[in-house]
Amino acid sequence: MRGSNRATITMMPIGVPKVAYRVPGSQSAD
């Protein structure tokens, strides 16, 4: 699941804070 989070942040730099704060960054942000 780590590679998936990085791929989303690199492919969607504009939606990083919104998407990373909702599910992909839910575990990392915690």
C-alpha atoms as a PDB file:
ATOM      1  CA  MET A   1       0.000   0.000   0.000  1.00  0.00           C
ATOM      2  CA  ARG A   2       3.054   2.310   0.316  1.00  0.00           C
ATOM      3  CA  GLY A   3       3.852   2.315  -3.431  1.00  0.00           C
ATOM      4  CA  SER A   4       0.212   3.168  -4.175  1.00  0.00           C
ATOM      5  CA  ASN A   5       0.335   6.265  -1.919  1.00  0.00           C
ATOM      6  CA  ARG A   6       3.551   7.545  -3.563  1.00  0.00           C
ATOM      7  CA  ALA A   7       2.191   6.969  -7.083  1.00  0.00           C
ATOM      8  CA  THR A   8      -0.924   8.987  -6.243  1.00  0.00           C
ATOM      9  CA  ILE A   9       1.070  11.918  -4.830  1.00  0.00           C
ATOM     10  CA  THR A  10       3.448  11.971  -7.811  1.00  0.00           C
ATOM     11  CA  MET A  11       0.652  11.603 -10.407  1.00  0.00           C
ATOM     12  CA  MET A  12      -1.838  13.924  -8.629  1.00  0.00           C
ATOM     13  CA  PRO A  13       0.249  16.719  -7.039  1.00  0.00           C
ATOM     14  CA  ILE A  14      -2.825  18.969  -7.135  1.00  0.00           C
ATOM     15  CA  GLY A  15      -4.982  16.512  -5.155  1.00  0.00           C
ATOM     16  CA  VAL A  16      -2.249  15.441  -2.747  1.00  0.00           C
ATOM     17  CA  PRO A  17      -3.597  17.275   0.338  1.00  0.00           C
ATOM     18  CA  LYS A  18      -7.219  16.325  -0.430  1.00  0.00           C
ATOM     19  CA  VAL A  19      -6.644  12.685  -1.403  1.00  0.00           C
ATOM     20  CA  ALA A  20      -3.689  12.083   0.920  1.00  0.00           C
ATOM     21  CA  TYR A  21      -5.658  13.527   3.842  1.00  0.00           C
ATOM     22  CA  ARG A  22      -8.705  11.296   3.102  1.00  0.00           C
ATOM     23  CA  VAL A  23      -7.520   7.728   2.502  1.00  0.00           C
ATOM     24  CA  PRO A  24      -3.977   7.373   1.069  1.00  0.00           C
ATOM     25  CA  GLY A  25      -2.495   9.690   3.737  1.00  0.00           C
ATOM     26  CA  SER A  26      -4.868   8.489   6.458  1.00  0.00           C
ATOM     27  CA  GLN A  27      -2.262   6.071   7.897  1.00  0.00           C
ATOM     28  CA  SER A  28       0.815   8.163   6.993  1.00  0.00           C
ATOM     29  CA  ALA A  29      -0.702  11.446   8.223  1.00  0.00           C
ATOM     30  CA  ASP A  30      -1.678   9.818  11.491  1.00  0.00           C
END
